[in-house]
Amino acid sequence: MSQAAVFGVANFAVTTASAKSSKEATSRALALYRRWQKSVPEIMKIHEINLPTSAVRSKIREEFERHKFVENLEVRDILFAKGQMEYQEVMNVWKQNNHIMNYFGKEEAPAKPTTFLEKFYDGRA
């Protein structure tokens, strides 16, 4: 039995349509953002993420805020569709734990060596 079946109903694909106005695109994005935020506890349980809930929530917010100033409706439609697909993949356990943890790799990765000796000790020189 799959984990998606154990934890609940599978998330089916949502047909996307072009937004008629900027207001509609904004409301769709906010609805998707809320869906992501409400699903954080379930995501953490399904994927066994050993991070604070606040870190996961802030990463979701960061990903949405990256595209905050996009005004082109066609681009916003594409971003919305990608967000929907990402949500479906995470909730249906089509993404593995390492795929999700890649979002947090930048914060947890050690600093890259800069001097010759640091690179030498690291095995890069």
PDB file of N, CA and C in Angstrom:
ATOM      1  N   MET A   1       0.853  -1.181   0.000  1.00  0.00           N
ATOM      2  CA  MET A   1       0.000   0.000   0.000  1.00  0.00           C
ATOM      3  C   MET A   1       0.897   1.242   0.000  1.00  0.00           C
ATOM      4  N   SER A   2       0.597   2.202  -0.833  1.00  0.00           N
ATOM      5  CA  SER A   2       1.415   3.409  -0.942  1.00  0.00           C
ATOM      6  C   SER A   2       1.173   4.338   0.235  1.00  0.00           C
ATOM      7  N   GLN A   3       2.145   5.225   0.488  1.00  0.00           N
ATOM      8  CA  GLN A   3       2.004   6.185   1.578  1.00  0.00           C
ATOM      9  C   GLN A   3       0.861   7.153   1.308  1.00  0.00           C
ATOM     10  N   ALA A   4       0.626   7.508   0.039  1.00  0.00           N
ATOM     11  CA  ALA A   4      -0.465   8.421  -0.286  1.00  0.00           C
ATOM     12  C   ALA A   4      -1.804   7.812   0.116  1.00  0.00           C
ATOM     13  N   ALA A   5      -1.955   6.490  -0.078  1.00  0.00           N
ATOM     14  CA  ALA A   5      -3.197   5.832   0.290  1.00  0.00           C
ATOM     15  C   ALA A   5      -3.340   5.760   1.812  1.00  0.00           C
ATOM     16  N   VAL A   6      -2.222   5.615   2.518  1.00  0.00           N
ATOM     17  CA  VAL A   6      -2.263   5.537   3.970  1.00  0.00           C
ATOM     18  C   VAL A   6      -2.649   6.878   4.579  1.00  0.00           C
ATOM     19  N   PHE A   7      -2.084   7.960   4.076  1.00  0.00           N
ATOM     20  CA  PHE A   7      -2.276   9.275   4.673  1.00  0.00           C
ATOM     21  C   PHE A   7      -3.495  10.018   4.155  1.00  0.00           C
ATOM     22  N   GLY A   8      -4.123   9.543   3.135  1.00  0.00           N
ATOM     23  CA  GLY A   8      -5.316  10.235   2.659  1.00  0.00           C
ATOM     24  C   GLY A   8      -5.525  10.010   1.173  1.00  0.00           C
ATOM     25  N   VAL A   9      -6.457  10.736   0.654  1.00  0.00           N
ATOM     26  CA  VAL A   9      -6.826  10.626  -0.745  1.00  0.00           C
ATOM     27  C   VAL A   9      -5.731  11.254  -1.601  1.00  0.00           C
ATOM     28  N   ALA A  10      -5.457  10.633  -2.721  1.00  0.00           N
ATOM     29  CA  ALA A  10      -4.453  11.169  -3.631  1.00  0.00           C
ATOM     30  C   ALA A  10      -4.910  12.517  -4.176  1.00  0.00           C
ATOM     31  N   ASN A  11      -3.965  13.395  -4.409  1.00  0.00           N
ATOM     32  CA  ASN A  11      -4.261  14.698  -4.987  1.00  0.00           C
ATOM     33  C   ASN A  11      -4.219  14.568  -6.500  1.00  0.00           C
ATOM     34  N   PHE A  12      -5.341  14.793  -7.124  1.00  0.00           N
ATOM     35  CA  PHE A  12      -5.437  14.656  -8.558  1.00  0.00           C
ATOM     36  C   PHE A  12      -5.033  15.948  -9.247  1.00  0.00           C
ATOM     37  N   ALA A  13      -4.668  15.831 -10.494  1.00  0.00           N
ATOM     38  CA  ALA A  13      -4.270  16.994 -11.275  1.00  0.00           C
ATOM     39  C   ALA A  13      -5.435  17.966 -11.394  1.00  0.00           C
ATOM     40  N   VAL A  14      -5.099  19.235 -11.358  1.00  0.00           N
ATOM     41  CA  VAL A  14      -6.102  20.281 -11.484  1.00  0.00           C
ATOM     42  C   VAL A  14      -5.928  20.920 -12.853  1.00  0.00           C
ATOM     43  N   THR A  15      -7.010  21.031 -13.591  1.00  0.00           N
ATOM     44  CA  THR A  15      -6.946  21.665 -14.895  1.00  0.00           C
ATOM     45  C   THR A  15      -6.708  23.155 -14.699  1.00  0.00           C
ATOM     46  N   THR A  16      -5.713  23.665 -15.380  1.00  0.00           N
ATOM     47  CA  THR A  16      -5.417  25.087 -15.236  1.00  0.00           C
ATOM     48  C   THR A  16      -6.046  25.864 -16.380  1.00  0.00           C
ATOM     49  N   ALA A  17      -6.449  27.050 -16.069  1.00  0.00           N
ATOM     50  CA  ALA A  17      -7.014  27.953 -17.064  1.00  0.00           C
ATOM     51  C   ALA A  17      -6.300  29.284 -16.924  1.00  0.00           C
ATOM     52  N   SER A  18      -6.271  30.030 -17.986  1.00  0.00           N
ATOM     53  CA  SER A  18      -5.626  31.339 -17.945  1.00  0.00           C
ATOM     54  C   SER A  18      -6.431  32.279 -17.063  1.00  0.00           C
ATOM     55  N   ALA A  19      -5.710  33.069 -16.291  1.00  0.00           N
ATOM     56  CA  ALA A  19      -6.367  34.063 -15.449  1.00  0.00           C
ATOM     57  C   ALA A  19      -6.877  35.199 -16.335  1.00  0.00           C
ATOM     58  N   LYS A  20      -8.059  35.664 -16.049  1.00  0.00           N
ATOM     59  CA  LYS A  20      -8.654  36.751 -16.832  1.00  0.00           C
ATOM     60  C   LYS A  20      -8.125  38.117 -16.417  1.00  0.00           C
ATOM     61  N   SER A  21      -7.680  38.207 -15.160  1.00  0.00           N
ATOM     62  CA  SER A  21      -7.196  39.492 -14.656  1.00  0.00           C
ATOM     63  C   SER A  21      -6.093  39.257 -13.634  1.00  0.00           C
ATOM     64  N   SER A  22      -5.425  40.326 -13.305  1.00  0.00           N
ATOM     65  CA  SER A  22      -4.371  40.257 -12.302  1.00  0.00           C
ATOM     66  C   SER A  22      -4.950  39.881 -10.943  1.00  0.00           C
ATOM     67  N   LYS A  23      -6.128  40.370 -10.659  1.00  0.00           N
ATOM     68  CA  LYS A  23      -6.790  40.073  -9.379  1.00  0.00           C
ATOM     69  C   LYS A  23      -7.075  38.580  -9.265  1.00  0.00           C
ATOM     70  N   GLU A  24      -7.557  37.977 -10.345  1.00  0.00           N
ATOM     71  CA  GLU A  24      -7.847  36.541 -10.343  1.00  0.00           C
ATOM     72  C   GLU A  24      -6.570  35.733 -10.161  1.00  0.00           C
ATOM     73  N   ALA A  25      -5.503  36.135 -10.837  1.00  0.00           N
ATOM     74  CA  ALA A  25      -4.220  35.436 -10.705  1.00  0.00           C
ATOM     75  C   ALA A  25      -3.702  35.532  -9.272  1.00  0.00           C
ATOM     76  N   THR A  26      -3.863  36.696  -8.662  1.00  0.00           N
ATOM     77  CA  THR A  26      -3.418  36.881  -7.282  1.00  0.00           C
ATOM     78  C   THR A  26      -4.228  36.000  -6.334  1.00  0.00           C
ATOM     79  N   SER A  27      -5.526  35.932  -6.524  1.00  0.00           N
ATOM     80  CA  SER A  27      -6.354  35.118  -5.632  1.00  0.00           C
ATOM     81  C   SER A  27      -6.035  33.633  -5.788  1.00  0.00           C
ATOM     82  N   ARG A  28      -5.738  33.199  -7.023  1.00  0.00           N
ATOM     83  CA  ARG A  28      -5.358  31.798  -7.229  1.00  0.00           C
ATOM     84  C   ARG A  28      -4.031  31.492  -6.549  1.00  0.00           C
ATOM     85  N   ALA A  29      -3.085  32.423  -6.669  1.00  0.00           N
ATOM     86  CA  ALA A  29      -1.774  32.223  -6.039  1.00  0.00           C
ATOM     87  C   ALA A  29      -1.912  32.174  -4.521  1.00  0.00           C
ATOM     88  N   LEU A  30      -2.736  33.044  -3.953  1.00  0.00           N
ATOM     89  CA  LEU A  30      -2.941  33.035  -2.506  1.00  0.00           C
ATOM     90  C   LEU A  30      -3.613  31.746  -2.042  1.00  0.00           C
ATOM     91  N   ALA A  31      -4.558  31.247  -2.824  1.00  0.00           N
ATOM     92  CA  ALA A  31      -5.217  29.981  -2.476  1.00  0.00           C
ATOM     93  C   ALA A  31      -4.209  28.830  -2.493  1.00  0.00           C
ATOM     94  N   LEU A  32      -3.339  28.827  -3.490  1.00  0.00           N
ATOM     95  CA  LEU A  32      -2.306  27.792  -3.561  1.00  0.00           C
ATOM     96  C   LEU A  32      -1.345  27.919  -2.395  1.00  0.00           C
ATOM     97  N   TYR A  33      -0.973  29.150  -2.056  1.00  0.00           N
ATOM     98  CA  TYR A  33      -0.080  29.395  -0.922  1.00  0.00           C
ATOM     99  C   TYR A  33      -0.711  28.863   0.376  1.00  0.00           C
ATOM    100  N   ARG A  34      -1.981  29.141   0.588  1.00  0.00           N
ATOM    101  CA  ARG A  34      -2.676  28.658   1.789  1.00  0.00           C
ATOM    102  C   ARG A  34      -2.723  27.125   1.818  1.00  0.00           C
ATOM    103  N   ARG A  35      -2.958  26.524   0.652  1.00  0.00           N
ATOM    104  CA  ARG A  35      -3.000  25.056   0.576  1.00  0.00           C
ATOM    105  C   ARG A  35      -1.654  24.467   0.984  1.00  0.00           C
ATOM    106  N   TRP A  36      -0.564  25.074   0.485  1.00  0.00           N
ATOM    107  CA  TRP A  36       0.771  24.625   0.865  1.00  0.00           C
ATOM    108  C   TRP A  36       0.970  24.745   2.374  1.00  0.00           C
ATOM    109  N   GLN A  37       0.629  25.918   2.920  1.00  0.00           N
ATOM    110  CA  GLN A  37       0.871  26.159   4.342  1.00  0.00           C
ATOM    111  C   GLN A  37       0.041  25.225   5.229  1.00  0.00           C
ATOM    112  N   LYS A  38      -1.197  24.969   4.837  1.00  0.00           N
ATOM    113  CA  LYS A  38      -2.043  24.075   5.628  1.00  0.00           C
ATOM    114  C   LYS A  38      -1.547  22.633   5.580  1.00  0.00           C
ATOM    115  N   SER A  39      -0.825  22.278   4.534  1.00  0.00           N
ATOM    116  CA  SER A  39      -0.359  20.906   4.350  1.00  0.00           C
ATOM    117  C   SER A  39       1.000  20.645   4.986  1.00  0.00           C
ATOM    118  N   VAL A  40       1.624  21.648   5.564  1.00  0.00           N
ATOM    119  CA  VAL A  40       2.975  21.478   6.121  1.00  0.00           C
ATOM    120  C   VAL A  40       3.048  20.327   7.129  1.00  0.00           C
ATOM    121  N   PRO A  41       2.147  20.239   8.109  1.00  0.00           N
ATOM    122  CA  PRO A  41       2.267  19.114   9.049  1.00  0.00           C
ATOM    123  C   PRO A  41       2.184  17.746   8.362  1.00  0.00           C
ATOM    124  N   GLU A  42       1.293  17.631   7.390  1.00  0.00           N
ATOM    125  CA  GLU A  42       1.162  16.365   6.666  1.00  0.00           C
ATOM    126  C   GLU A  42       2.406  16.079   5.820  1.00  0.00           C
ATOM    127  N   ILE A  43       2.944  17.109   5.188  1.00  0.00           N
ATOM    128  CA  ILE A  43       4.157  16.950   4.385  1.00  0.00           C
ATOM    129  C   ILE A  43       5.302  16.470   5.265  1.00  0.00           C
ATOM    130  N   MET A  44       5.438  17.085   6.432  1.00  0.00           N
ATOM    131  CA  MET A  44       6.521  16.710   7.340  1.00  0.00           C
ATOM    132  C   MET A  44       6.358  15.273   7.835  1.00  0.00           C
ATOM    133  N   LYS A  45       5.126  14.854   8.045  1.00  0.00           N
ATOM    134  CA  LYS A  45       4.856  13.494   8.505  1.00  0.00           C
ATOM    135  C   LYS A  45       5.128  12.475   7.398  1.00  0.00           C
ATOM    136  N   ILE A  46       4.620  12.758   6.200  1.00  0.00           N
ATOM    137  CA  ILE A  46       4.778  11.824   5.077  1.00  0.00           C
ATOM    138  C   ILE A  46       6.247  11.645   4.712  1.00  0.00           C
ATOM    139  N   HIS A  47       6.980  12.755   4.624  1.00  0.00           N
ATOM    140  CA  HIS A  47       8.359  12.711   4.145  1.00  0.00           C
ATOM    141  C   HIS A  47       9.385  12.636   5.263  1.00  0.00           C
ATOM    142  N   GLU A  48       8.918  12.544   6.514  1.00  0.00           N
ATOM    143  CA  GLU A  48       9.796  12.406   7.674  1.00  0.00           C
ATOM    144  C   GLU A  48      10.884  13.481   7.679  1.00  0.00           C
ATOM    145  N   ILE A  49      10.458  14.717   7.605  1.00  0.00           N
ATOM    146  CA  ILE A  49      11.375  15.851   7.571  1.00  0.00           C
ATOM    147  C   ILE A  49      11.736  16.232   8.999  1.00  0.00           C
ATOM    148  N   ASN A  50      13.020  16.252   9.302  1.00  0.00           N
ATOM    149  CA  ASN A  50      13.499  16.570  10.643  1.00  0.00           C
ATOM    150  C   ASN A  50      13.940  18.023  10.733  1.00  0.00           C
ATOM    151  N   LEU A  51      13.054  18.908  10.426  1.00  0.00           N
ATOM    152  CA  LEU A  51      13.295  20.344  10.522  1.00  0.00           C
ATOM    153  C   LEU A  51      12.132  20.949  11.300  1.00  0.00           C
ATOM    154  N   PRO A  52      12.338  22.133  11.873  1.00  0.00           N
ATOM    155  CA  PRO A  52      11.206  22.788  12.535  1.00  0.00           C
ATOM    156  C   PRO A  52      10.132  23.161  11.520  1.00  0.00           C
ATOM    157  N   THR A  53       8.893  23.126  11.953  1.00  0.00           N
ATOM    158  CA  THR A  53       7.771  23.493  11.088  1.00  0.00           C
ATOM    159  C   THR A  53       7.951  24.910  10.554  1.00  0.00           C
ATOM    160  N   SER A  54       8.472  25.780  11.394  1.00  0.00           N
ATOM    161  CA  SER A  54       8.667  27.172  10.973  1.00  0.00           C
ATOM    162  C   SER A  54       9.645  27.275   9.811  1.00  0.00           C
ATOM    163  N   ALA A  55      10.661  26.415   9.764  1.00  0.00           N
ATOM    164  CA  ALA A  55      11.626  26.442   8.662  1.00  0.00           C
ATOM    165  C   ALA A  55      10.962  26.037   7.349  1.00  0.00           C
ATOM    166  N   VAL A  56      10.101  25.035   7.408  1.00  0.00           N
ATOM    167  CA  VAL A  56       9.403  24.578   6.196  1.00  0.00           C
ATOM    168  C   VAL A  56       8.437  25.660   5.722  1.00  0.00           C
ATOM    169  N   ARG A  57       7.705  26.238   6.660  1.00  0.00           N
ATOM    170  CA  ARG A  57       6.759  27.302   6.297  1.00  0.00           C
ATOM    171  C   ARG A  57       7.478  28.517   5.715  1.00  0.00           C
ATOM    172  N   SER A  58       8.607  28.883   6.286  1.00  0.00           N
ATOM    173  CA  SER A  58       9.333  30.044   5.769  1.00  0.00           C
ATOM    174  C   SER A  58       9.932  29.756   4.392  1.00  0.00           C
ATOM    175  N   LYS A  59      10.321  28.511   4.134  1.00  0.00           N
ATOM    176  CA  LYS A  59      10.844  28.157   2.809  1.00  0.00           C
ATOM    177  C   LYS A  59       9.735  28.244   1.765  1.00  0.00           C
ATOM    178  N   ILE A  60       8.534  27.810   2.121  1.00  0.00           N
ATOM    179  CA  ILE A  60       7.398  27.924   1.200  1.00  0.00           C
ATOM    180  C   ILE A  60       7.127  29.391   0.909  1.00  0.00           C
ATOM    181  N   ARG A  61       7.116  30.198   1.946  1.00  0.00           N
ATOM    182  CA  ARG A  61       6.894  31.635   1.762  1.00  0.00           C
ATOM    183  C   ARG A  61       7.973  32.251   0.879  1.00  0.00           C
ATOM    184  N   GLU A  62       9.213  31.853   1.109  1.00  0.00           N
ATOM    185  CA  GLU A  62      10.328  32.372   0.310  1.00  0.00           C
ATOM    186  C   GLU A  62      10.150  32.026  -1.164  1.00  0.00           C
ATOM    187  N   GLU A  63       9.727  30.795  -1.452  1.00  0.00           N
ATOM    188  CA  GLU A  63       9.529  30.383  -2.842  1.00  0.00           C
ATOM    189  C   GLU A  63       8.410  31.186  -3.505  1.00  0.00           C
ATOM    190  N   PHE A  64       7.348  31.479  -2.770  1.00  0.00           N
ATOM    191  CA  PHE A  64       6.261  32.279  -3.343  1.00  0.00           C
ATOM    192  C   PHE A  64       6.699  33.733  -3.510  1.00  0.00           C
ATOM    193  N   GLU A  65       7.451  34.254  -2.560  1.00  0.00           N
ATOM    194  CA  GLU A  65       7.859  35.662  -2.636  1.00  0.00           C
ATOM    195  C   GLU A  65       8.910  35.911  -3.719  1.00  0.00           C
ATOM    196  N   ARG A  66       9.592  34.872  -4.168  1.00  0.00           N
ATOM    197  CA  ARG A  66      10.555  35.043  -5.258  1.00  0.00           C
ATOM    198  C   ARG A  66       9.883  35.600  -6.508  1.00  0.00           C
ATOM    199  N   HIS A  67       8.611  35.261  -6.698  1.00  0.00           N
ATOM    200  CA  HIS A  67       7.879  35.656  -7.897  1.00  0.00           C
ATOM    201  C   HIS A  67       6.814  36.706  -7.601  1.00  0.00           C
ATOM    202  N   LYS A  68       7.001  37.409  -6.529  1.00  0.00           N
ATOM    203  CA  LYS A  68       6.018  38.384  -6.058  1.00  0.00           C
ATOM    204  C   LYS A  68       5.766  39.514  -7.053  1.00  0.00           C
ATOM    205  N   PHE A  69       6.781  39.922  -7.768  1.00  0.00           N
ATOM    206  CA  PHE A  69       6.665  41.095  -8.628  1.00  0.00           C
ATOM    207  C   PHE A  69       6.427  40.765 -10.099  1.00  0.00           C
ATOM    208  N   VAL A  70       6.114  39.525 -10.417  1.00  0.00           N
ATOM    209  CA  VAL A  70       5.805  39.143 -11.797  1.00  0.00           C
ATOM    210  C   VAL A  70       4.432  39.705 -12.145  1.00  0.00           C
ATOM    211  N   GLU A  71       4.356  40.437 -13.241  1.00  0.00           N
ATOM    212  CA  GLU A  71       3.097  41.070 -13.628  1.00  0.00           C
ATOM    213  C   GLU A  71       2.475  40.466 -14.882  1.00  0.00           C
ATOM    214  N   ASN A  72       3.271  39.818 -15.706  1.00  0.00           N
ATOM    215  CA  ASN A  72       2.779  39.228 -16.939  1.00  0.00           C
ATOM    216  C   ASN A  72       1.837  38.058 -16.605  1.00  0.00           C
ATOM    217  N   LEU A  73       0.591  38.133 -17.075  1.00  0.00           N
ATOM    218  CA  LEU A  73      -0.406  37.112 -16.738  1.00  0.00           C
ATOM    219  C   LEU A  73      -0.034  35.723 -17.252  1.00  0.00           C
ATOM    220  N   GLU A  74       0.568  35.659 -18.432  1.00  0.00           N
ATOM    221  CA  GLU A  74       0.955  34.354 -18.974  1.00  0.00           C
ATOM    222  C   GLU A  74       2.015  33.705 -18.095  1.00  0.00           C
ATOM    223  N   VAL A  75       2.970  34.489 -17.640  1.00  0.00           N
ATOM    224  CA  VAL A  75       4.023  33.967 -16.769  1.00  0.00           C
ATOM    225  C   VAL A  75       3.426  33.547 -15.426  1.00  0.00           C
ATOM    226  N   ARG A  76       2.501  34.342 -14.918  1.00  0.00           N
ATOM    227  CA  ARG A  76       1.860  33.994 -13.645  1.00  0.00           C
ATOM    228  C   ARG A  76       1.064  32.700 -13.770  1.00  0.00           C
ATOM    229  N   ASP A  77       0.432  32.485 -14.936  1.00  0.00           N
ATOM    230  CA  ASP A  77      -0.298  31.237 -15.166  1.00  0.00           C
ATOM    231  C   ASP A  77       0.657  30.038 -15.138  1.00  0.00           C
ATOM    232  N   ILE A  78       1.801  30.194 -15.757  1.00  0.00           N
ATOM    233  CA  ILE A  78       2.795  29.113 -15.779  1.00  0.00           C
ATOM    234  C   ILE A  78       3.316  28.838 -14.379  1.00  0.00           C
ATOM    235  N   LEU A  79       3.626  29.898 -13.633  1.00  0.00           N
ATOM    236  CA  LEU A  79       4.101  29.721 -12.258  1.00  0.00           C
ATOM    237  C   LEU A  79       3.050  29.038 -11.396  1.00  0.00           C
ATOM    238  N   PHE A  80       1.796  29.403 -11.593  1.00  0.00           N
ATOM    239  CA  PHE A  80       0.706  28.770 -10.854  1.00  0.00           C
ATOM    240  C   PHE A  80       0.620  27.281 -11.188  1.00  0.00           C
ATOM    241  N   ALA A  81       0.701  26.956 -12.475  1.00  0.00           N
ATOM    242  CA  ALA A  81       0.640  25.549 -12.896  1.00  0.00           C
ATOM    243  C   ALA A  81       1.802  24.760 -12.310  1.00  0.00           C
ATOM    244  N   LYS A  82       2.997  25.350 -12.312  1.00  0.00           N
ATOM    245  CA  LYS A  82       4.160  24.668 -11.731  1.00  0.00           C
ATOM    246  C   LYS A  82       3.984  24.468 -10.232  1.00  0.00           C
ATOM    247  N   GLY A  83       3.420  25.459  -9.551  1.00  0.00           N
ATOM    248  CA  GLY A  83       3.160  25.332  -8.124  1.00  0.00           C
ATOM    249  C   GLY A  83       2.158  24.229  -7.830  1.00  0.00           C
ATOM    250  N   GLN A  84       1.127  24.131  -8.669  1.00  0.00           N
ATOM    251  CA  GLN A  84       0.131  23.064  -8.525  1.00  0.00           C
ATOM    252  C   GLN A  84       0.780  21.691  -8.716  1.00  0.00           C
ATOM    253  N   MET A  85       1.609  21.584  -9.759  1.00  0.00           N
ATOM    254  CA  MET A  85       2.274  20.311 -10.041  1.00  0.00           C
ATOM    255  C   MET A  85       3.203  19.915  -8.897  1.00  0.00           C
ATOM    256  N   GLU A  86       3.940  20.879  -8.393  1.00  0.00           N
ATOM    257  CA  GLU A  86       4.856  20.622  -7.281  1.00  0.00           C
ATOM    258  C   GLU A  86       4.081  20.125  -6.062  1.00  0.00           C
ATOM    259  N   TYR A  87       2.963  20.770  -5.783  1.00  0.00           N
ATOM    260  CA  TYR A  87       2.126  20.378  -4.652  1.00  0.00           C
ATOM    261  C   TYR A  87       1.629  18.944  -4.831  1.00  0.00           C
ATOM    262  N   GLN A  88       1.155  18.646  -6.020  1.00  0.00           N
ATOM    263  CA  GLN A  88       0.652  17.302  -6.292  1.00  0.00           C
ATOM    264  C   GLN A  88       1.758  16.259  -6.123  1.00  0.00           C
ATOM    265  N   GLU A  89       2.951  16.558  -6.622  1.00  0.00           N
ATOM    266  CA  GLU A  89       4.060  15.617  -6.518  1.00  0.00           C
ATOM    267  C   GLU A  89       4.476  15.382  -5.070  1.00  0.00           C
ATOM    268  N   VAL A  90       4.467  16.445  -4.274  1.00  0.00           N
ATOM    269  CA  VAL A  90       4.846  16.310  -2.866  1.00  0.00           C
ATOM    270  C   VAL A  90       3.787  15.528  -2.098  1.00  0.00           C
ATOM    271  N   MET A  91       2.536  15.869  -2.283  1.00  0.00           N
ATOM    272  CA  MET A  91       1.463  15.246  -1.511  1.00  0.00           C
ATOM    273  C   MET A  91       1.203  13.795  -1.922  1.00  0.00           C
ATOM    274  N   ASN A  92       1.457  13.452  -3.171  1.00  0.00           N
ATOM    275  CA  ASN A  92       1.257  12.077  -3.630  1.00  0.00           C
ATOM    276  C   ASN A  92       2.509  11.228  -3.454  1.00  0.00           C
ATOM    277  N   VAL A  93       3.520  11.783  -2.820  1.00  0.00           N
ATOM    278  CA  VAL A  93       4.790  11.117  -2.545  1.00  0.00           C
ATOM    279  C   VAL A  93       5.459  10.667  -3.847  1.00  0.00           C
ATOM    280  N   TRP A  94       5.348  11.503  -4.860  1.00  0.00           N
ATOM    281  CA  TRP A  94       6.082  11.268  -6.090  1.00  0.00           C
ATOM    282  C   TRP A  94       7.467  11.871  -5.973  1.00  0.00           C
ATOM    283  N   LYS A  95       7.640  12.755  -5.039  1.00  0.00           N
ATOM    284  CA  LYS A  95       8.961  13.302  -4.718  1.00  0.00           C
ATOM    285  C   LYS A  95       9.459  12.587  -3.474  1.00  0.00           C
ATOM    286  N   GLN A  96      10.739  12.283  -3.479  1.00  0.00           N
ATOM    287  CA  GLN A  96      11.341  11.630  -2.328  1.00  0.00           C
ATOM    288  C   GLN A  96      11.869  12.679  -1.351  1.00  0.00           C
ATOM    289  N   ASN A  97      12.274  12.230  -0.186  1.00  0.00           N
ATOM    290  CA  ASN A  97      12.767  13.120   0.855  1.00  0.00           C
ATOM    291  C   ASN A  97      13.944  13.964   0.368  1.00  0.00           C
ATOM    292  N   ASN A  98      14.858  13.350  -0.371  1.00  0.00           N
ATOM    293  CA  ASN A  98      16.033  14.109  -0.840  1.00  0.00           C
ATOM    294  C   ASN A  98      15.648  15.212  -1.817  1.00  0.00           C
ATOM    295  N   HIS A  99      14.581  15.033  -2.588  1.00  0.00           N
ATOM    296  CA  HIS A  99      14.115  16.093  -3.489  1.00  0.00           C
ATOM    297  C   HIS A  99      13.634  17.296  -2.687  1.00  0.00           C
ATOM    298  N   ILE A 100      12.934  17.042  -1.616  1.00  0.00           N
ATOM    299  CA  ILE A 100      12.419  18.122  -0.782  1.00  0.00           C
ATOM    300  C   ILE A 100      13.560  18.792  -0.024  1.00  0.00           C
ATOM    301  N   MET A 101      14.502  18.001   0.458  1.00  0.00           N
ATOM    302  CA  MET A 101      15.611  18.564   1.238  1.00  0.00           C
ATOM    303  C   MET A 101      16.554  19.402   0.370  1.00  0.00           C
ATOM    304  N   ASN A 102      16.514  19.233  -0.951  1.00  0.00           N
ATOM    305  CA  ASN A 102      17.329  20.068  -1.829  1.00  0.00           C
ATOM    306  C   ASN A 102      16.977  21.549  -1.694  1.00  0.00           C
ATOM    307  N   TYR A 103      15.743  21.848  -1.325  1.00  0.00           N
ATOM    308  CA  TYR A 103      15.342  23.237  -1.117  1.00  0.00           C
ATOM    309  C   TYR A 103      16.068  23.850   0.079  1.00  0.00           C
ATOM    310  N   PHE A 104      16.458  23.013   1.023  1.00  0.00           N
ATOM    311  CA  PHE A 104      17.104  23.500   2.233  1.00  0.00           C
ATOM    312  C   PHE A 104      18.617  23.357   2.179  1.00  0.00           C
ATOM    313  N   GLY A 105      19.163  22.871   1.095  1.00  0.00           N
ATOM    314  CA  GLY A 105      20.597  22.618   0.973  1.00  0.00           C
ATOM    315  C   GLY A 105      21.453  23.852   1.082  1.00  0.00           C
ATOM    316  N   LYS A 106      20.971  24.979   0.594  1.00  0.00           N
ATOM    317  CA  LYS A 106      21.759  26.201   0.601  1.00  0.00           C
ATOM    318  C   LYS A 106      22.057  26.664   2.023  1.00  0.00           C
ATOM    319  N   GLU A 107      21.075  26.569   2.915  1.00  0.00           N
ATOM    320  CA  GLU A 107      21.251  27.044   4.278  1.00  0.00           C
ATOM    321  C   GLU A 107      22.134  26.121   5.100  1.00  0.00           C
ATOM    322  N   GLU A 108      22.064  24.823   4.830  1.00  0.00           N
ATOM    323  CA  GLU A 108      22.765  23.856   5.654  1.00  0.00           C
ATOM    324  C   GLU A 108      24.123  23.458   5.096  1.00  0.00           C
ATOM    325  N   ALA A 109      24.428  23.838   3.867  1.00  0.00           N
ATOM    326  CA  ALA A 109      25.699  23.454   3.249  1.00  0.00           C
ATOM    327  C   ALA A 109      26.849  24.230   3.892  1.00  0.00           C
ATOM    328  N   PRO A 110      27.972  23.551   4.097  1.00  0.00           N
ATOM    329  CA  PRO A 110      29.128  24.265   4.643  1.00  0.00           C
ATOM    330  C   PRO A 110      29.664  25.275   3.631  1.00  0.00           C
ATOM    331  N   ALA A 111      30.321  26.287   4.125  1.00  0.00           N
ATOM    332  CA  ALA A 111      30.869  27.325   3.251  1.00  0.00           C
ATOM    333  C   ALA A 111      31.940  26.731   2.340  1.00  0.00           C
ATOM    334  N   LYS A 112      31.986  27.222   1.106  1.00  0.00           N
ATOM    335  CA  LYS A 112      32.973  26.729   0.151  1.00  0.00           C
ATOM    336  C   LYS A 112      34.342  27.312   0.495  1.00  0.00           C
ATOM    337  N   PRO A 113      35.403  26.525   0.334  1.00  0.00           N
ATOM    338  CA  PRO A 113      36.748  27.041   0.625  1.00  0.00           C
ATOM    339  C   PRO A 113      37.130  28.140  -0.370  1.00  0.00           C
ATOM    340  N   THR A 114      37.818  29.145   0.134  1.00  0.00           N
ATOM    341  CA  THR A 114      38.214  30.271  -0.714  1.00  0.00           C
ATOM    342  C   THR A 114      39.719  30.383  -0.871  1.00  0.00           C
ATOM    343  N   THR A 115      40.460  30.124   0.168  1.00  0.00           N
ATOM    344  CA  THR A 115      41.915  30.255   0.074  1.00  0.00           C
ATOM    345  C   THR A 115      42.512  28.962  -0.465  1.00  0.00           C
ATOM    346  N   PHE A 116      43.777  29.063  -0.878  1.00  0.00           N
ATOM    347  CA  PHE A 116      44.452  27.900  -1.434  1.00  0.00           C
ATOM    348  C   PHE A 116      44.509  26.763  -0.423  1.00  0.00           C
ATOM    349  N   LEU A 117      44.886  27.072   0.819  1.00  0.00           N
ATOM    350  CA  LEU A 117      45.003  26.021   1.827  1.00  0.00           C
ATOM    351  C   LEU A 117      43.656  25.375   2.136  1.00  0.00           C
ATOM    352  N   GLU A 118      42.603  26.179   2.211  1.00  0.00           N
ATOM    353  CA  GLU A 118      41.277  25.611   2.463  1.00  0.00           C
ATOM    354  C   GLU A 118      40.879  24.674   1.328  1.00  0.00           C
ATOM    355  N   LYS A 119      41.169  25.090   0.089  1.00  0.00           N
ATOM    356  CA  LYS A 119      40.862  24.233  -1.060  1.00  0.00           C
ATOM    357  C   LYS A 119      41.717  22.979  -1.042  1.00  0.00           C
ATOM    358  N   PHE A 120      42.988  23.120  -0.639  1.00  0.00           N
ATOM    359  CA  PHE A 120      43.906  21.985  -0.567  1.00  0.00           C
ATOM    360  C   PHE A 120      43.410  20.964   0.463  1.00  0.00           C
ATOM    361  N   TYR A 121      43.041  21.459   1.643  1.00  0.00           N
ATOM    362  CA  TYR A 121      42.548  20.581   2.699  1.00  0.00           C
ATOM    363  C   TYR A 121      41.222  19.926   2.297  1.00  0.00           C
ATOM    364  N   ASP A 122      40.459  20.619   1.513  1.00  0.00           N
ATOM    365  CA  ASP A 122      39.178  20.094   1.049  1.00  0.00           C
ATOM    366  C   ASP A 122      39.359  19.121  -0.109  1.00  0.00           C
ATOM    367  N   GLY A 123      40.564  19.104  -0.707  1.00  0.00           N
ATOM    368  CA  GLY A 123      40.840  18.196  -1.814  1.00  0.00           C
ATOM    369  C   GLY A 123      40.503  18.767  -3.167  1.00  0.00           C
ATOM    370  N   ARG A 124      40.388  20.103  -3.265  1.00  0.00           N
ATOM    371  CA  ARG A 124      40.031  20.737  -4.542  1.00  0.00           C
ATOM    372  C   ARG A 124      41.209  21.398  -5.230  1.00  0.00           C
ATOM    373  N   ALA A 125      42.310  21.520  -4.564  1.00  0.00           N
ATOM    374  CA  ALA A 125      43.445  22.254  -5.156  1.00  0.00           C
ATOM    375  C   ALA A 125      44.239  21.367  -6.077  1.00  0.00           C
TER     376      ALA A 125
END
